[in-house]
Amino acid sequence: MLIYNTTYHVELADARNFVIWLNECYLPEAEQGGLLRGGRILRILSHKEQDSECFSVQFEVEDSAALHRWHTETGARLNEELMKVFKDKVIGFPTLMEVVR
């Protein structure tokens, strides 16, 4: 089992709308094909800056092949949509992690 995590750095003025967009658009569409599951949004409390907030979006995925398939079928389109809606006010970077225990 793998965890696909994306950490987002969001301008403070857009943080509330970003979380709404994640809940209403991103998570439902990301899980729609069944390749990603258990989506959750976490607020990162460490490394706080005055003018921004950080969030982690996590999904469970069976293996890296399934993640690659999700990215080509759904993920790239969702990232494009995120850029259209939030432009340069949101920056994200992905991390793939393996569950050890």
Protein backbone atom coordinates (compact mmCIF):
# COMPACT_ATOMS: atom_id res chain seq x y z
CA MET A 1 0.00 0.00 0.00
CA LEU A 2 1.29 3.44 -0.95
CA ILE A 3 0.28 6.93 0.17
CA TYR A 4 0.19 9.63 -2.46
CA ASN A 5 0.64 12.96 -0.67
CA THR A 6 0.63 16.44 -2.15
CA THR A 7 1.64 19.35 0.05
CA TYR A 8 0.15 22.70 -0.97
CA HIS A 9 1.38 26.15 0.01
CA VAL A 10 -1.62 28.54 -0.29
CA GLU A 11 -1.85 32.31 0.03
CA LEU A 12 -3.82 33.11 3.19
CA ALA A 13 -6.53 35.04 1.34
CA ASP A 14 -7.29 31.98 -0.81
CA ALA A 15 -7.00 29.23 1.83
CA ARG A 16 -10.72 28.94 2.61
CA ASN A 17 -11.71 28.78 -1.07
CA PHE A 18 -8.94 26.28 -1.73
CA VAL A 19 -10.25 23.88 0.94
CA ILE A 20 -13.79 24.25 -0.41
CA TRP A 21 -12.55 23.50 -3.94
CA LEU A 22 -10.63 20.45 -2.69
CA ASN A 23 -13.72 19.10 -0.91
CA GLU A 24 -16.25 19.83 -3.65
CA CYS A 25 -14.21 19.25 -6.82
CA TYR A 26 -10.77 17.72 -6.42
CA LEU A 27 -11.33 14.86 -3.97
CA PRO A 28 -14.56 13.54 -5.54
CA GLU A 29 -13.06 13.59 -9.05
CA ALA A 30 -9.73 12.14 -7.90
CA GLU A 31 -11.47 9.14 -6.32
CA GLN A 32 -14.05 8.66 -9.07
CA GLY A 33 -12.17 5.98 -11.03
CA GLY A 34 -11.35 3.92 -7.92
CA LEU A 35 -7.56 4.08 -8.33
CA LEU A 36 -7.16 6.50 -5.41
CA ARG A 37 -9.13 6.06 -2.19
CA GLY A 38 -9.39 7.38 1.34
CA GLY A 39 -8.76 10.98 0.35
CA ARG A 40 -8.24 13.40 3.19
CA ILE A 41 -7.16 16.99 3.70
CA LEU A 42 -4.85 17.93 6.55
CA ARG A 43 -3.78 21.38 7.70
CA ILE A 44 -0.03 21.53 8.34
CA LEU A 45 0.64 23.24 11.65
CA SER A 46 4.43 23.36 11.59
CA HIS A 47 6.33 25.88 9.49
CA LYS A 48 3.53 28.45 9.59
CA GLU A 49 4.10 31.69 7.77
CA GLN A 50 2.16 34.88 8.30
CA ASP A 51 0.69 35.22 4.81
CA SER A 52 0.03 31.59 3.90
CA GLU A 53 -1.27 28.22 5.01
CA CYS A 54 -0.11 24.74 4.10
CA PHE A 55 -2.28 21.69 3.47
CA SER A 56 -1.58 18.04 2.79
CA VAL A 57 -3.89 16.01 0.55
CA GLN A 58 -3.43 12.26 0.92
CA PHE A 59 -4.77 9.22 -0.89
CA GLU A 60 -4.14 5.50 -0.67
CA VAL A 61 -3.06 3.82 -3.91
CA GLU A 62 -2.28 0.17 -4.58
CA ASP A 63 1.03 0.63 -6.41
CA SER A 64 3.02 3.05 -8.55
CA ALA A 65 1.51 1.65 -11.78
CA ALA A 66 -1.99 2.53 -10.53
CA LEU A 67 -0.77 6.01 -9.56
CA HIS A 68 0.75 6.52 -13.01
CA ARG A 69 -2.53 5.43 -14.62
CA TRP A 70 -4.48 7.82 -12.37
CA HIS A 71 -2.13 10.68 -13.22
CA THR A 72 -2.49 10.18 -16.98
CA GLU A 73 -6.27 9.62 -16.84
CA THR A 74 -7.27 12.17 -14.18
CA GLY A 75 -4.46 13.83 -12.26
CA ALA A 76 -2.98 15.94 -15.05
CA ARG A 77 -6.41 17.37 -15.86
CA LEU A 78 -7.11 18.16 -12.20
CA ASN A 79 -3.75 19.91 -11.88
CA GLU A 80 -4.56 22.03 -14.94
CA GLU A 81 -7.92 22.94 -13.40
CA LEU A 82 -6.23 23.89 -10.12
CA MET A 83 -3.88 26.21 -12.03
CA LYS A 84 -6.79 27.82 -13.90
CA VAL A 85 -8.72 28.48 -10.69
CA PHE A 86 -5.89 29.52 -8.34
CA LYS A 87 -3.10 30.53 -10.75
CA ASP A 88 0.10 31.26 -8.82
CA LYS A 89 -1.62 31.50 -5.42
CA VAL A 90 -1.18 27.77 -4.78
CA ILE A 91 2.02 25.76 -5.12
CA GLY A 92 2.05 22.00 -4.62
CA PHE A 93 4.61 19.24 -4.56
CA PRO A 94 3.87 15.51 -4.51
CA THR A 95 5.43 12.76 -2.40
CA LEU A 96 4.90 9.02 -2.80
CA MET A 97 5.28 7.09 0.45
CA GLU A 98 5.15 3.42 1.36
CA VAL A 99 3.24 2.24 4.43
CA VAL A 100 5.71 0.33 6.58
CA ARG A 101 3.39 -0.52 9.44
